Amino acid sequence: MHKWNLERPLAVFDIEATGINPRTDRIIELSVIKLSPPKGEREIRSFLMNPGIPIPPESTAIHGIKPEDVADKPFFKDLAPEIYKLLNGCDLAGFNVIRFDLPMLTEEFLRASIQFDISNRRIVDAQRIFHKKEPRDLTAALKFYCDEFLLDGHRAEADALATLRVLEGQLERYKDLPSNMDELSRYCDLRDPSWADRDGKLRWVDGDIAINFGKKKGEKISVLARTDPGFLKWIMKGDFSSDTKAIVQKILDGKRLDPLGSALNDQLKGLKESDSEIP
């Protein structure tokens, strides 16, 4: 077993949901394995919740959670303060956590009126490491690194435990992997440092935020607020992530935003160079 040397807690988590769209789907199950510094003592917490919307049969076919299993469970908003407290001050890890679990969790917190800030956290994605080294899925990763089979896959706790085993196996196998959380986080994150929001719909250009899609690409929001406010109102009503809308609203309200908080800037430093190494 890998010997962790942590500066602060690391929360390895996994989510099962009604689907894969963070803005329209909801969390059904969340499991967290919290490793405490310095040696990684474990605390496992699992939450089963009522998503408040139907669970499609195709989702149940993947994770096995039926509507009747969660009919009397609390909603995410009821559990949000407890989950926030559990994750407070933790670095975060998971399998495909950057593209799925983190956006899903962030959206749920926003719906519960809680700002879940990840700008000062290190993010480690076992899938990113795996895809750089051995492009396969979690089941294959567990077999490859640990010679184990994922018998109870697609339930949150089993997947989170499997992800932790894969992470430990990767750190043992690849001696060239960074040994500290800062560098490991940068190794996993492929986000463009110029993005102002997590989806890249907005980006920083010469100290201002500009549109990064469609016909208005490159135009600054502060200018559009005067010349074409209807376009910004369309964003506010459209299918855009909550953090994209929050940035647009702040600019509409006349607030000034700083280009990349210092902690996030440090976390993302050098990612453009690392992108060129991805096969």
C-alpha atoms as a PDB file:
ATOM      1  CA  MET A   1       0.000   0.000   0.000  1.00  0.00           C
ATOM      2  CA  HIS A   2       1.270   3.460  -0.894  1.00  0.00           C
ATOM      3  CA  LYS A   3       2.578   5.497   2.030  1.00  0.00           C
ATOM      4  CA  TRP A   4       0.934   8.894   1.763  1.00  0.00           C
ATOM      5  CA  ASN A   5       2.754  11.989   2.977  1.00  0.00           C
ATOM      6  CA  LEU A   6       0.051  14.645   3.037  1.00  0.00           C
ATOM      7  CA  GLU A   7       0.176  18.305   3.986  1.00  0.00           C
ATOM      8  CA  ARG A   8      -3.606  18.550   4.219  1.00  0.00           C
ATOM      9  CA  PRO A   9      -6.546  16.142   3.864  1.00  0.00           C
ATOM     10  CA  LEU A  10      -7.190  14.453   0.526  1.00  0.00           C
ATOM     11  CA  ALA A  11     -10.808  13.577  -0.331  1.00  0.00           C
ATOM     12  CA  VAL A  12     -11.141  10.801  -2.920  1.00  0.00           C
ATOM     13  CA  PHE A  13     -14.756  10.830  -4.035  1.00  0.00           C
ATOM     14  CA  ASP A  14     -17.152   9.341  -6.542  1.00  0.00           C
ATOM     15  CA  ILE A  15     -20.651  10.311  -7.670  1.00  0.00           C
ATOM     16  CA  GLU A  16     -23.546   8.347  -9.124  1.00  0.00           C
ATOM     17  CA  ALA A  17     -26.161  10.512 -10.824  1.00  0.00           C
ATOM     18  CA  THR A  18     -29.317  10.521 -12.935  1.00  0.00           C
ATOM     19  CA  GLY A  19     -27.184  11.301 -15.993  1.00  0.00           C
ATOM     20  CA  ILE A  20     -24.041  13.093 -17.134  1.00  0.00           C
ATOM     21  CA  ASN A  21     -25.206  16.711 -17.583  1.00  0.00           C
ATOM     22  CA  PRO A  22     -24.265  18.777 -14.486  1.00  0.00           C
ATOM     23  CA  ARG A  23     -26.939  21.388 -15.235  1.00  0.00           C
ATOM     24  CA  THR A  24     -29.902  19.074 -15.758  1.00  0.00           C
ATOM     25  CA  ASP A  25     -28.999  15.888 -13.880  1.00  0.00           C
ATOM     26  CA  ARG A  26     -28.729  15.358 -10.124  1.00  0.00           C
ATOM     27  CA  ILE A  27     -26.582  13.390  -7.694  1.00  0.00           C
ATOM     28  CA  ILE A  28     -28.039  10.168  -6.302  1.00  0.00           C
ATOM     29  CA  GLU A  29     -25.062   8.867  -4.345  1.00  0.00           C
ATOM     30  CA  LEU A  30     -21.828  10.435  -3.117  1.00  0.00           C
ATOM     31  CA  SER A  31     -19.014   8.575  -1.377  1.00  0.00           C
ATOM     32  CA  VAL A  32     -15.926  10.194   0.093  1.00  0.00           C
ATOM     33  CA  ILE A  33     -12.747   8.558   1.348  1.00  0.00           C
ATOM     34  CA  LYS A  34     -10.979  11.231   3.377  1.00  0.00           C
ATOM     35  CA  LEU A  35      -7.262  10.697   3.966  1.00  0.00           C
ATOM     36  CA  SER A  36      -5.895  12.689   6.885  1.00  0.00           C
ATOM     37  CA  PRO A  37      -2.319  13.997   7.090  1.00  0.00           C
ATOM     38  CA  PRO A  38       0.345  13.046   7.460  1.00  0.00           C
ATOM     39  CA  LYS A  39       0.023   9.297   6.837  1.00  0.00           C
ATOM     40  CA  GLY A  40      -3.379   9.021   5.176  1.00  0.00           C
ATOM     41  CA  GLU A  41      -5.630   7.586   7.872  1.00  0.00           C
ATOM     42  CA  ARG A  42      -8.995   6.863   6.232  1.00  0.00           C
ATOM     43  CA  GLU A  43     -12.528   7.994   6.962  1.00  0.00           C
ATOM     44  CA  ILE A  44     -15.263   6.724   4.615  1.00  0.00           C
ATOM     45  CA  ARG A  45     -18.571   8.553   4.301  1.00  0.00           C
ATOM     46  CA  SER A  46     -21.390   7.679   1.891  1.00  0.00           C
ATOM     47  CA  PHE A  47     -24.555   9.639   1.175  1.00  0.00           C
ATOM     48  CA  LEU A  48     -27.619   8.298  -0.649  1.00  0.00           C
ATOM     49  CA  MET A  49     -30.021  11.056  -1.658  1.00  0.00           C
ATOM     50  CA  ASN A  50     -33.272  11.752  -3.449  1.00  0.00           C
ATOM     51  CA  PRO A  51     -32.394  13.543  -6.698  1.00  0.00           C
ATOM     52  CA  GLY A  52     -35.781  15.239  -6.885  1.00  0.00           C
ATOM     53  CA  ILE A  53     -36.143  14.184 -10.530  1.00  0.00           C
ATOM     54  CA  PRO A  54     -36.829  10.808 -12.184  1.00  0.00           C
ATOM     55  CA  ILE A  55     -33.994   8.294 -12.399  1.00  0.00           C
ATOM     56  CA  PRO A  56     -33.866   7.050 -16.010  1.00  0.00           C
ATOM     57  CA  PRO A  57     -33.844   3.249 -16.425  1.00  0.00           C
ATOM     58  CA  GLU A  58     -30.592   3.506 -18.383  1.00  0.00           C
ATOM     59  CA  SER A  59     -28.940   5.145 -15.359  1.00  0.00           C
ATOM     60  CA  THR A  60     -30.299   2.489 -13.012  1.00  0.00           C
ATOM     61  CA  ALA A  61     -28.865  -0.128 -15.374  1.00  0.00           C
ATOM     62  CA  ILE A  62     -25.397   1.314 -14.709  1.00  0.00           C
ATOM     63  CA  HIS A  63     -25.378   1.914 -10.944  1.00  0.00           C
ATOM     64  CA  GLY A  64     -28.305  -0.242  -9.817  1.00  0.00           C
ATOM     65  CA  ILE A  65     -30.012   2.506  -7.787  1.00  0.00           C
ATOM     66  CA  LYS A  66     -33.799   2.482  -8.278  1.00  0.00           C
ATOM     67  CA  PRO A  67     -36.269   5.310  -7.544  1.00  0.00           C
ATOM     68  CA  GLU A  68     -37.680   3.376  -4.594  1.00  0.00           C
ATOM     69  CA  ASP A  69     -34.176   3.126  -3.090  1.00  0.00           C
ATOM     70  CA  VAL A  70     -34.043   6.895  -2.616  1.00  0.00           C
ATOM     71  CA  ALA A  71     -37.708   7.856  -2.265  1.00  0.00           C
ATOM     72  CA  ASP A  72     -37.383   8.541   1.463  1.00  0.00           C
ATOM     73  CA  LYS A  73     -33.810   9.873   1.373  1.00  0.00           C
ATOM     74  CA  PRO A  74     -32.904  13.542   1.976  1.00  0.00           C
ATOM     75  CA  PHE A  75     -32.286  15.927  -0.900  1.00  0.00           C
ATOM     76  CA  PHE A  76     -28.787  17.205  -1.657  1.00  0.00           C
ATOM     77  CA  LYS A  77     -29.670  20.638  -0.262  1.00  0.00           C
ATOM     78  CA  ASP A  78     -30.442  19.001   3.092  1.00  0.00           C
ATOM     79  CA  LEU A  79     -27.065  17.236   3.140  1.00  0.00           C
ATOM     80  CA  ALA A  80     -25.084  20.105   1.585  1.00  0.00           C
ATOM     81  CA  PRO A  81     -23.831  21.693   4.855  1.00  0.00           C
ATOM     82  CA  GLU A  82     -22.569  18.316   6.124  1.00  0.00           C
ATOM     83  CA  ILE A  83     -20.894  17.470   2.807  1.00  0.00           C
ATOM     84  CA  TYR A  84     -19.340  20.928   2.574  1.00  0.00           C
ATOM     85  CA  LYS A  85     -17.923  20.573   6.084  1.00  0.00           C
ATOM     86  CA  LEU A  86     -16.526  17.120   5.221  1.00  0.00           C
ATOM     87  CA  LEU A  87     -14.728  18.486   2.136  1.00  0.00           C
ATOM     88  CA  ASN A  88     -13.681  21.806   3.621  1.00  0.00           C
ATOM     89  CA  GLY A  89      -9.910  22.301   3.414  1.00  0.00           C
ATOM     90  CA  CYS A  90      -9.379  19.107   1.395  1.00  0.00           C
ATOM     91  CA  ASP A  91      -7.548  18.533  -1.841  1.00  0.00           C
ATOM     92  CA  LEU A  92      -9.726  16.473  -4.175  1.00  0.00           C
ATOM     93  CA  ALA A  93      -9.206  13.286  -6.165  1.00  0.00           C
ATOM     94  CA  GLY A  94     -11.274  10.878  -8.217  1.00  0.00           C
ATOM     95  CA  PHE A  95     -11.572   9.030 -11.497  1.00  0.00           C
ATOM     96  CA  ASN A  96     -12.741  11.397 -14.295  1.00  0.00           C
ATOM     97  CA  VAL A  97     -13.303  13.888 -11.494  1.00  0.00           C
ATOM     98  CA  ILE A  98     -12.333  16.927 -13.628  1.00  0.00           C
ATOM     99  CA  ARG A  99     -14.893  16.352 -16.372  1.00  0.00           C
ATOM    100  CA  PHE A 100     -17.739  14.766 -14.393  1.00  0.00           C
ATOM    101  CA  ASP A 101     -17.694  14.601 -10.596  1.00  0.00           C
ATOM    102  CA  LEU A 102     -16.409  18.132  -9.863  1.00  0.00           C
ATOM    103  CA  PRO A 103     -18.811  19.938 -12.245  1.00  0.00           C
ATOM    104  CA  MET A 104     -21.701  17.841 -10.924  1.00  0.00           C
ATOM    105  CA  LEU A 105     -20.806  18.547  -7.290  1.00  0.00           C
ATOM    106  CA  THR A 106     -20.218  22.264  -7.902  1.00  0.00           C
ATOM    107  CA  GLU A 107     -23.603  22.660  -9.587  1.00  0.00           C
ATOM    108  CA  GLU A 108     -25.372  20.874  -6.730  1.00  0.00           C
ATOM    109  CA  PHE A 109     -23.708  23.152  -4.182  1.00  0.00           C
ATOM    110  CA  LEU A 110     -24.732  26.222  -6.197  1.00  0.00           C
ATOM    111  CA  ARG A 111     -28.337  25.011  -6.267  1.00  0.00           C
ATOM    112  CA  ALA A 112     -28.060  24.723  -2.471  1.00  0.00           C
ATOM    113  CA  SER A 113     -26.774  28.343  -2.358  1.00  0.00           C
ATOM    114  CA  ILE A 114     -23.272  27.248  -1.291  1.00  0.00           C
ATOM    115  CA  GLN A 115     -20.177  28.449  -3.132  1.00  0.00           C
ATOM    116  CA  PHE A 116     -17.835  25.467  -3.427  1.00  0.00           C
ATOM    117  CA  ASP A 117     -14.524  27.111  -4.317  1.00  0.00           C
ATOM    118  CA  ILE A 118     -11.882  24.814  -5.832  1.00  0.00           C
ATOM    119  CA  SER A 119      -9.393  27.509  -6.835  1.00  0.00           C
ATOM    120  CA  ASN A 120      -7.135  26.869  -3.829  1.00  0.00           C
ATOM    121  CA  ARG A 121      -7.329  23.062  -3.940  1.00  0.00           C
ATOM    122  CA  ARG A 122      -5.067  20.567  -5.668  1.00  0.00           C
ATOM    123  CA  ILE A 123      -7.046  18.307  -8.018  1.00  0.00           C
ATOM    124  CA  VAL A 124      -5.772  14.813  -8.844  1.00  0.00           C
ATOM    125  CA  ASP A 125      -7.556  12.750 -11.499  1.00  0.00           C
ATOM    126  CA  ALA A 126      -6.576   9.083 -11.630  1.00  0.00           C
ATOM    127  CA  GLN A 127      -8.148   8.852 -15.085  1.00  0.00           C
ATOM    128  CA  ARG A 128      -5.842  11.557 -16.454  1.00  0.00           C
ATOM    129  CA  ILE A 129      -2.805   9.702 -15.125  1.00  0.00           C
ATOM    130  CA  PHE A 130      -4.176   6.408 -16.424  1.00  0.00           C
ATOM    131  CA  HIS A 131      -4.981   7.756 -19.893  1.00  0.00           C
ATOM    132  CA  LYS A 132      -1.507   9.235 -20.183  1.00  0.00           C
ATOM    133  CA  LYS A 133       0.063   5.930 -19.167  1.00  0.00           C
ATOM    134  CA  GLU A 134      -2.435   3.181 -20.082  1.00  0.00           C
ATOM    135  CA  PRO A 135      -5.567   4.401 -21.949  1.00  0.00           C
ATOM    136  CA  ARG A 136      -8.400   2.252 -20.470  1.00  0.00           C
ATOM    137  CA  ASP A 137     -11.238   2.439 -17.930  1.00  0.00           C
ATOM    138  CA  LEU A 138     -11.438   2.044 -14.122  1.00  0.00           C
ATOM    139  CA  THR A 139     -11.995  -1.730 -14.240  1.00  0.00           C
ATOM    140  CA  ALA A 140      -8.959  -2.226 -16.476  1.00  0.00           C
ATOM    141  CA  ALA A 141      -6.939   0.188 -14.321  1.00  0.00           C
ATOM    142  CA  LEU A 142      -7.663  -1.807 -11.158  1.00  0.00           C
ATOM    143  CA  LYS A 143      -6.663  -5.031 -12.899  1.00  0.00           C
ATOM    144  CA  PHE A 144      -3.533  -3.500 -14.431  1.00  0.00           C
ATOM    145  CA  TYR A 145      -2.178  -1.710 -11.353  1.00  0.00           C
ATOM    146  CA  CYS A 146      -3.492  -3.890  -8.535  1.00  0.00           C
ATOM    147  CA  ASP A 147      -4.295  -7.244 -10.200  1.00  0.00           C
ATOM    148  CA  GLU A 148      -7.786  -6.961  -8.738  1.00  0.00           C
ATOM    149  CA  PHE A 149     -11.253  -7.135 -10.277  1.00  0.00           C
ATOM    150  CA  LEU A 150     -13.960  -4.522  -9.666  1.00  0.00           C
ATOM    151  CA  LEU A 151     -16.762  -6.851  -8.586  1.00  0.00           C
ATOM    152  CA  ASP A 152     -19.176  -4.210  -7.258  1.00  0.00           C
ATOM    153  CA  GLY A 153     -18.526  -1.500  -9.841  1.00  0.00           C
ATOM    154  CA  HIS A 154     -20.778   1.507 -10.475  1.00  0.00           C
ATOM    155  CA  ARG A 155     -21.691   1.976  -6.832  1.00  0.00           C
ATOM    156  CA  ALA A 156     -20.052   5.072  -5.442  1.00  0.00           C
ATOM    157  CA  GLU A 157     -18.195   3.524  -2.500  1.00  0.00           C
ATOM    158  CA  ALA A 158     -16.841   0.621  -4.546  1.00  0.00           C
ATOM    159  CA  ASP A 159     -15.700   2.982  -7.312  1.00  0.00           C
ATOM    160  CA  ALA A 160     -14.116   5.421  -4.836  1.00  0.00           C
ATOM    161  CA  LEU A 161     -12.233   2.574  -3.125  1.00  0.00           C
ATOM    162  CA  ALA A 162     -11.129   1.266  -6.520  1.00  0.00           C
ATOM    163  CA  THR A 163      -9.959   4.745  -7.523  1.00  0.00           C
ATOM    164  CA  LEU A 164      -7.890   5.041  -4.349  1.00  0.00           C
ATOM    165  CA  ARG A 165      -6.290   1.634  -5.008  1.00  0.00           C
ATOM    166  CA  VAL A 166      -5.512   2.692  -8.619  1.00  0.00           C
ATOM    167  CA  LEU A 167      -3.974   5.989  -7.448  1.00  0.00           C
ATOM    168  CA  GLU A 168      -1.775   4.153  -4.983  1.00  0.00           C
ATOM    169  CA  GLY A 169      -0.806   1.618  -7.651  1.00  0.00           C
ATOM    170  CA  GLN A 170       0.073   4.397 -10.100  1.00  0.00           C
ATOM    171  CA  LEU A 171       2.269   6.186  -7.571  1.00  0.00           C
ATOM    172  CA  GLU A 172       4.073   2.934  -6.787  1.00  0.00           C
ATOM    173  CA  ARG A 173       4.526   1.927 -10.441  1.00  0.00           C
ATOM    174  CA  TYR A 174       5.497   5.260 -12.021  1.00  0.00           C
ATOM    175  CA  LYS A 175       8.461   6.613 -10.086  1.00  0.00           C
ATOM    176  CA  ASP A 176       8.563   9.630 -12.408  1.00  0.00           C
ATOM    177  CA  LEU A 177       5.162  10.829 -11.193  1.00  0.00           C
ATOM    178  CA  PRO A 178       5.321  13.946  -8.984  1.00  0.00           C
ATOM    179  CA  SER A 179       5.627  13.143  -5.305  1.00  0.00           C
ATOM    180  CA  ASN A 180       3.761  16.212  -3.983  1.00  0.00           C
ATOM    181  CA  MET A 181       0.164  17.288  -4.439  1.00  0.00           C
ATOM    182  CA  ASP A 182       0.947  20.595  -6.189  1.00  0.00           C
ATOM    183  CA  GLU A 183       2.849  18.945  -9.039  1.00  0.00           C
ATOM    184  CA  LEU A 184       0.491  15.962  -9.197  1.00  0.00           C
ATOM    185  CA  SER A 185      -2.454  18.340  -9.538  1.00  0.00           C
ATOM    186  CA  ARG A 186      -0.744  20.186 -12.400  1.00  0.00           C
ATOM    187  CA  TYR A 187       0.047  16.833 -14.050  1.00  0.00           C
ATOM    188  CA  CYS A 188      -3.670  15.945 -14.115  1.00  0.00           C
ATOM    189  CA  ASP A 189      -5.257  19.256 -15.070  1.00  0.00           C
ATOM    190  CA  LEU A 190      -5.617  20.038 -18.782  1.00  0.00           C
ATOM    191  CA  ARG A 191      -7.545  23.275 -18.317  1.00  0.00           C
ATOM    192  CA  ASP A 192      -6.352  26.247 -20.369  1.00  0.00           C
ATOM    193  CA  PRO A 193      -5.016  28.862 -17.905  1.00  0.00           C
ATOM    194  CA  SER A 194      -6.738  31.631 -19.887  1.00  0.00           C
ATOM    195  CA  TRP A 195     -10.233  30.274 -19.165  1.00  0.00           C
ATOM    196  CA  ALA A 196     -12.305  32.434 -16.829  1.00  0.00           C
ATOM    197  CA  ASP A 197     -14.906  29.704 -16.243  1.00  0.00           C
ATOM    198  CA  ARG A 198     -14.509  25.957 -15.997  1.00  0.00           C
ATOM    199  CA  ASP A 199     -16.125  25.204 -19.400  1.00  0.00           C
ATOM    200  CA  GLY A 200     -14.001  27.670 -21.362  1.00  0.00           C
ATOM    201  CA  LYS A 201     -16.968  29.694 -22.609  1.00  0.00           C
ATOM    202  CA  LEU A 202     -15.231  32.800 -21.271  1.00  0.00           C
ATOM    203  CA  ARG A 203     -11.530  33.635 -21.343  1.00  0.00           C
ATOM    204  CA  TRP A 204      -9.178  36.335 -20.161  1.00  0.00           C
ATOM    205  CA  VAL A 205      -7.886  38.663 -22.893  1.00  0.00           C
ATOM    206  CA  ASP A 206      -5.589  41.546 -21.897  1.00  0.00           C
ATOM    207  CA  GLY A 207      -7.030  41.722 -18.396  1.00  0.00           C
ATOM    208  CA  ASP A 208     -10.687  41.601 -19.527  1.00  0.00           C
ATOM    209  CA  ILE A 209     -13.093  38.695 -19.941  1.00  0.00           C
ATOM    210  CA  ALA A 210     -14.111  37.889 -23.518  1.00  0.00           C
ATOM    211  CA  ILE A 211     -16.568  35.494 -25.140  1.00  0.00           C
ATOM    212  CA  ASN A 212     -14.835  32.292 -26.273  1.00  0.00           C
ATOM    213  CA  PHE A 213     -17.473  30.741 -28.559  1.00  0.00           C
ATOM    214  CA  GLY A 214     -19.726  31.501 -31.503  1.00  0.00           C
ATOM    215  CA  LYS A 215     -20.086  34.705 -33.506  1.00  0.00           C
ATOM    216  CA  LYS A 216     -19.145  36.881 -30.536  1.00  0.00           C
ATOM    217  CA  LYS A 217     -15.878  35.051 -29.893  1.00  0.00           C
ATOM    218  CA  GLY A 218     -13.174  37.503 -28.844  1.00  0.00           C
ATOM    219  CA  GLU A 219     -15.575  40.303 -27.924  1.00  0.00           C
ATOM    220  CA  LYS A 220     -15.230  41.631 -24.391  1.00  0.00           C
ATOM    221  CA  ILE A 221     -18.196  41.268 -22.065  1.00  0.00           C
ATOM    222  CA  SER A 222     -17.758  44.772 -20.662  1.00  0.00           C
ATOM    223  CA  VAL A 223     -18.238  46.136 -24.200  1.00  0.00           C
ATOM    224  CA  LEU A 224     -21.179  43.838 -24.943  1.00  0.00           C
ATOM    225  CA  ALA A 225     -22.860  45.030 -21.740  1.00  0.00           C
ATOM    226  CA  ARG A 226     -23.135  48.446 -23.447  1.00  0.00           C
ATOM    227  CA  THR A 227     -23.552  47.494 -27.102  1.00  0.00           C
ATOM    228  CA  ASP A 228     -25.436  44.181 -27.044  1.00  0.00           C
ATOM    229  CA  PRO A 229     -26.883  43.425 -23.588  1.00  0.00           C
ATOM    230  CA  GLY A 230     -29.418  41.105 -25.217  1.00  0.00           C
ATOM    231  CA  PHE A 231     -26.657  38.617 -25.982  1.00  0.00           C
ATOM    232  CA  LEU A 232     -25.593  38.540 -22.339  1.00  0.00           C
ATOM    233  CA  LYS A 233     -29.214  38.131 -21.246  1.00  0.00           C
ATOM    234  CA  TRP A 234     -29.416  35.164 -23.641  1.00  0.00           C
ATOM    235  CA  ILE A 235     -26.456  33.607 -21.815  1.00  0.00           C
ATOM    236  CA  MET A 236     -28.167  34.186 -18.462  1.00  0.00           C
ATOM    237  CA  LYS A 237     -31.275  32.321 -19.691  1.00  0.00           C
ATOM    238  CA  GLY A 238     -29.451  29.661 -21.694  1.00  0.00           C
ATOM    239  CA  ASP A 239     -27.936  26.255 -20.973  1.00  0.00           C
ATOM    240  CA  PHE A 240     -24.673  27.541 -19.525  1.00  0.00           C
ATOM    241  CA  SER A 241     -22.993  26.526 -16.280  1.00  0.00           C
ATOM    242  CA  SER A 242     -23.711  28.471 -13.104  1.00  0.00           C
ATOM    243  CA  ASP A 243     -20.170  29.828 -12.840  1.00  0.00           C
ATOM    244  CA  THR A 244     -20.353  31.186 -16.431  1.00  0.00           C
ATOM    245  CA  LYS A 245     -23.599  32.968 -15.587  1.00  0.00           C
ATOM    246  CA  ALA A 246     -22.188  34.246 -12.286  1.00  0.00           C
ATOM    247  CA  ILE A 247     -19.256  35.903 -14.091  1.00  0.00           C
ATOM    248  CA  VAL A 248     -21.549  37.496 -16.691  1.00  0.00           C
ATOM    249  CA  GLN A 249     -23.876  38.767 -13.951  1.00  0.00           C
ATOM    250  CA  LYS A 250     -21.008  40.335 -12.005  1.00  0.00           C
ATOM    251  CA  ILE A 251     -19.864  42.221 -15.086  1.00  0.00           C
ATOM    252  CA  LEU A 252     -23.446  43.322 -15.818  1.00  0.00           C
ATOM    253  CA  ASP A 253     -23.542  44.606 -12.231  1.00  0.00           C
ATOM    254  CA  GLY A 254     -20.421  46.663 -12.905  1.00  0.00           C
ATOM    255  CA  LYS A 255     -18.071  44.606 -10.746  1.00  0.00           C
ATOM    256  CA  ARG A 256     -14.420  44.181 -11.699  1.00  0.00           C
ATOM    257  CA  LEU A 257     -12.872  40.714 -11.698  1.00  0.00           C
ATOM    258  CA  ASP A 258      -9.167  39.980 -11.299  1.00  0.00           C
ATOM    259  CA  PRO A 259      -7.496  37.753 -13.902  1.00  0.00           C
ATOM    260  CA  LEU A 260      -7.131  34.350 -12.189  1.00  0.00           C
ATOM    261  CA  GLY A 261      -6.829  34.249  -8.434  1.00  0.00           C
ATOM    262  CA  SER A 262      -3.231  33.765  -7.354  1.00  0.00           C
ATOM    263  CA  ALA A 263      -3.839  30.257  -6.010  1.00  0.00           C
ATOM    264  CA  LEU A 264      -5.538  29.128  -9.222  1.00  0.00           C
ATOM    265  CA  ASN A 265      -2.869  30.803 -11.316  1.00  0.00           C
ATOM    266  CA  ASP A 266      -0.169  28.872  -9.448  1.00  0.00           C
ATOM    267  CA  GLN A 267      -2.124  25.636  -9.871  1.00  0.00           C
ATOM    268  CA  LEU A 268      -2.497  26.107 -13.634  1.00  0.00           C
ATOM    269  CA  LYS A 269       1.019  27.389 -14.304  1.00  0.00           C
ATOM    270  CA  GLY A 270       2.777  25.505 -17.049  1.00  0.00           C
ATOM    271  CA  LEU A 271      -0.233  23.527 -18.264  1.00  0.00           C
ATOM    272  CA  LYS A 272       0.056  24.773 -21.848  1.00  0.00           C
ATOM    273  CA  GLU A 273       3.480  23.179 -22.085  1.00  0.00           C
ATOM    274  CA  SER A 274       2.255  19.916 -20.578  1.00  0.00           C
ATOM    275  CA  ASP A 275      -0.653  19.750 -23.061  1.00  0.00           C
ATOM    276  CA  SER A 276       1.811  19.154 -25.887  1.00  0.00           C
ATOM    277  CA  GLU A 277       2.934  15.933 -24.221  1.00  0.00           C
ATOM    278  CA  ILE A 278      -0.523  14.342 -24.270  1.00  0.00           C
ATOM    279  CA  PRO A 279      -0.788  11.616 -26.915  1.00  0.00           C
END
